[in-house]
Amino acid sequence: MRRISVVSVSAVIVFASLMIGVGRLAGAQDVNPGDHPARGSWNVTSDPGDTEYAPRLVMLSADGGAFFVSGEKLTGVGAWEPTGETTAIVTFTVVTNGPAQIVTRAAIEVSADGQAFTGTFTNEAVVDPVGGITSGELGPGTLTGTRMVAEAPGTPVETFDEFFALPGATPEASPEG
């Protein structure tokens, strides 16, 4: 008798675990990063912002990876995941000079047309990643993003040679001797 109830309880636990797992999988598919409106490439501005680091470009990939470029100074790698039909969280880590890092955490909401987002963010300076010394999260700041779109080439206004010609390199500017 006891053996039957242990087997029955075990079967119920296995069945319940499978059903919970299937439920989680179905829920995750509803907001799959590959189908989420946050996926794509974005021009991003922030407040507070620093013009030294503008423009800020962000790419959120279909596999949940994230890439961040800011001016000539900073590049970050991270991850993102949907939190709802039009909302997501994003985390980037930027390595600075030395062992220090900056961790940016953001929560965004994509507009109904999918062409923009707004959100908030915090930054945390990780002064010593090995020792765990940090500033704690600072903020919040605000974000706005505009979707980047592919464009075909337009009609050129001049050639590359004309644009990159050095001043004084034209025959008209050459001194005649």
Protein backbone atom coordinates (compact mmCIF):
# COMPACT_ATOMS: atom_id res chain seq x y z
CA MET A 1 0.00 0.00 0.00
CA ARG A 2 2.69 2.41 1.01
CA ARG A 3 4.66 1.71 -2.17
CA ILE A 4 1.62 2.56 -4.33
CA SER A 5 1.10 5.92 -2.62
CA VAL A 6 4.80 6.85 -2.99
CA VAL A 7 4.62 5.96 -6.70
CA SER A 8 1.34 7.89 -7.05
CA VAL A 9 2.72 10.96 -5.29
CA SER A 10 5.88 10.79 -7.41
CA ALA A 11 3.80 10.57 -10.59
CA VAL A 12 1.71 13.57 -9.53
CA ILE A 13 4.87 15.59 -8.78
CA VAL A 14 6.42 14.71 -12.15
CA PHE A 15 3.17 15.53 -13.98
CA ALA A 16 2.78 18.84 -12.10
CA SER A 17 6.42 19.76 -12.85
CA LEU A 18 5.91 19.06 -16.53
CA MET A 19 2.73 21.17 -16.61
CA ILE A 20 4.41 24.08 -14.81
CA GLY A 21 7.36 23.84 -17.20
CA VAL A 22 5.04 23.82 -20.23
CA GLY A 23 3.14 26.79 -18.77
CA ARG A 24 6.37 28.74 -18.33
CA LEU A 25 7.48 27.84 -21.84
CA ALA A 26 4.15 28.95 -23.30
CA GLY A 27 4.31 32.20 -21.31
CA ALA A 28 7.88 32.85 -22.47
CA GLN A 29 6.85 32.28 -26.09
CA ASP A 30 4.20 35.00 -25.77
CA VAL A 31 6.96 37.58 -25.25
CA ASN A 32 9.82 35.95 -27.16
CA PRO A 33 12.74 38.38 -27.73
CA GLY A 34 12.71 37.43 -31.44
CA ASP A 35 9.14 38.70 -31.83
CA HIS A 36 9.19 41.54 -29.30
CA PRO A 37 8.88 45.15 -30.56
CA ALA A 38 12.02 46.18 -28.60
CA ARG A 39 14.16 43.98 -30.86
CA GLY A 40 16.20 46.05 -33.32
CA SER A 41 18.57 49.00 -33.55
CA TRP A 42 17.92 52.31 -31.80
CA ASN A 43 19.22 55.89 -31.54
CA VAL A 44 18.99 56.67 -27.82
CA THR A 45 19.12 59.89 -25.82
CA SER A 46 19.18 60.13 -22.05
CA ASP A 47 18.67 62.65 -19.30
CA PRO A 48 20.98 63.19 -17.64
CA GLY A 49 23.09 62.89 -20.75
CA ASP A 50 26.56 63.92 -21.74
CA THR A 51 27.13 65.25 -25.25
CA GLU A 52 30.67 63.87 -25.12
CA TYR A 53 29.18 60.38 -25.37
CA ALA A 54 26.50 61.12 -27.99
CA PRO A 55 25.21 59.58 -30.15
CA ARG A 56 24.17 56.51 -28.24
CA LEU A 57 23.34 53.48 -30.36
CA VAL A 58 21.75 50.33 -28.97
CA MET A 59 21.04 46.99 -30.62
CA LEU A 60 18.74 44.45 -28.99
CA SER A 61 19.06 41.08 -30.74
CA ALA A 62 16.54 38.30 -31.22
CA ASP A 63 18.52 35.99 -28.90
CA GLY A 64 18.41 38.39 -25.94
CA GLY A 65 21.87 39.88 -26.47
CA ALA A 66 22.41 43.64 -26.28
CA PHE A 67 25.13 45.94 -27.63
CA PHE A 68 25.72 49.59 -26.76
CA VAL A 69 27.98 52.20 -28.40
CA SER A 70 28.27 55.73 -27.07
CA GLY A 71 30.32 58.29 -28.99
CA GLU A 72 34.00 57.46 -29.25
CA LYS A 73 34.35 56.53 -25.61
CA LEU A 74 32.17 53.65 -24.48
CA THR A 75 31.08 50.25 -25.70
CA GLY A 76 28.91 47.92 -23.65
CA VAL A 77 27.66 44.38 -23.94
CA GLY A 78 24.68 42.99 -22.12
CA ALA A 79 21.36 41.23 -22.21
CA TRP A 80 17.70 42.10 -22.46
CA GLU A 81 14.44 40.32 -21.93
CA PRO A 82 10.78 41.10 -22.42
CA THR A 83 8.71 41.80 -19.32
CA GLY A 84 5.43 42.24 -21.19
CA GLU A 85 3.95 42.74 -24.66
CA THR A 86 5.66 46.15 -25.12
CA THR A 87 8.00 46.34 -22.10
CA ALA A 88 11.50 45.03 -21.48
CA ILE A 89 14.50 45.29 -19.18
CA VAL A 90 18.05 45.81 -20.44
CA THR A 91 21.41 45.51 -18.66
CA PHE A 92 24.73 46.69 -20.14
CA THR A 93 28.22 46.43 -18.70
CA VAL A 94 30.82 48.93 -19.92
CA VAL A 95 34.49 48.31 -19.09
CA THR A 96 36.32 51.56 -18.34
CA ASN A 97 40.06 52.23 -17.96
CA GLY A 98 41.46 49.82 -15.42
CA PRO A 99 39.33 47.18 -13.78
CA ALA A 100 36.35 49.48 -13.22
CA GLN A 101 32.99 48.87 -14.91
CA ILE A 102 29.74 50.75 -15.30
CA VAL A 103 26.55 48.70 -15.15
CA THR A 104 23.48 50.34 -16.70
CA ARG A 105 20.06 48.86 -15.96
CA ALA A 106 17.03 50.11 -17.87
CA ALA A 107 13.31 49.45 -18.11
CA ILE A 108 11.71 50.49 -21.41
CA GLU A 109 8.28 50.60 -23.01
CA VAL A 110 7.91 50.54 -26.79
CA SER A 111 5.28 52.80 -28.38
CA ALA A 112 2.19 51.34 -30.07
CA ASP A 113 3.67 51.93 -33.56
CA GLY A 114 6.96 50.23 -32.55
CA GLN A 115 9.08 53.16 -33.75
CA ALA A 116 10.05 54.66 -30.37
CA PHE A 117 10.52 53.81 -26.72
CA THR A 118 10.72 55.60 -23.40
CA GLY A 119 12.16 54.37 -20.15
CA THR A 120 14.20 54.88 -17.02
CA PHE A 121 17.69 53.77 -16.10
CA THR A 122 20.22 53.58 -13.28
CA ASN A 123 24.02 53.41 -13.39
CA GLU A 124 26.28 51.61 -10.97
CA ALA A 125 30.03 52.16 -10.92
CA VAL A 126 31.77 48.90 -10.07
CA VAL A 127 35.11 50.22 -8.85
CA ASP A 128 36.56 46.84 -7.92
CA PRO A 129 34.75 43.92 -9.61
CA VAL A 130 36.82 41.33 -7.71
CA GLY A 131 36.33 42.96 -4.30
CA GLY A 132 32.72 43.92 -5.01
CA ILE A 133 33.23 47.62 -4.27
CA THR A 134 30.47 49.63 -5.99
CA SER A 135 28.83 53.04 -5.87
CA GLY A 136 25.42 51.42 -5.60
CA GLU A 137 22.78 52.26 -8.19
CA LEU A 138 22.59 55.96 -9.07
CA GLY A 139 19.59 57.56 -10.74
CA PRO A 140 17.03 57.27 -12.07
CA GLY A 141 17.46 58.93 -15.42
CA THR A 142 15.15 58.88 -18.43
CA LEU A 143 15.64 57.38 -21.88
CA THR A 144 14.07 57.88 -25.28
CA GLY A 145 14.80 55.74 -28.30
CA THR A 146 14.03 56.09 -31.99
CA ARG A 147 14.13 52.99 -34.19
CA MET A 148 16.82 52.94 -36.87
CA VAL A 149 15.61 51.88 -40.31
CA ALA A 150 17.40 50.65 -43.42
CA GLU A 151 17.63 53.18 -46.24
CA ALA A 152 18.72 52.86 -49.87
CA PRO A 153 21.48 55.21 -51.10
CA GLY A 154 20.29 58.62 -52.30
CA THR A 155 21.57 60.86 -55.10
CA PRO A 156 25.16 61.97 -54.36
CA VAL A 157 25.89 65.70 -54.12
CA GLU A 158 29.59 65.15 -54.92
CA THR A 159 32.07 62.29 -55.32
CA PHE A 160 34.20 60.87 -52.53
CA ASP A 161 37.31 62.25 -54.28
CA GLU A 162 35.78 65.74 -54.32
CA PHE A 163 34.76 65.52 -50.67
CA PHE A 164 38.12 64.22 -49.43
CA ALA A 165 40.31 66.43 -51.66
CA LEU A 166 42.85 68.36 -49.63
CA PRO A 167 42.54 72.15 -49.77
CA GLY A 168 45.10 73.57 -52.14
CA ALA A 169 45.48 70.25 -53.99
CA THR A 170 43.52 71.38 -57.05
CA PRO A 171 45.40 72.57 -60.15
CA GLU A 172 43.82 76.03 -59.81
CA ALA A 173 45.36 76.44 -56.36
CA SER A 174 48.84 75.24 -57.36
CA PRO A 175 51.43 78.02 -57.67
CA GLU A 176 52.92 78.29 -61.11
CA GLY A 177 56.55 78.80 -61.23
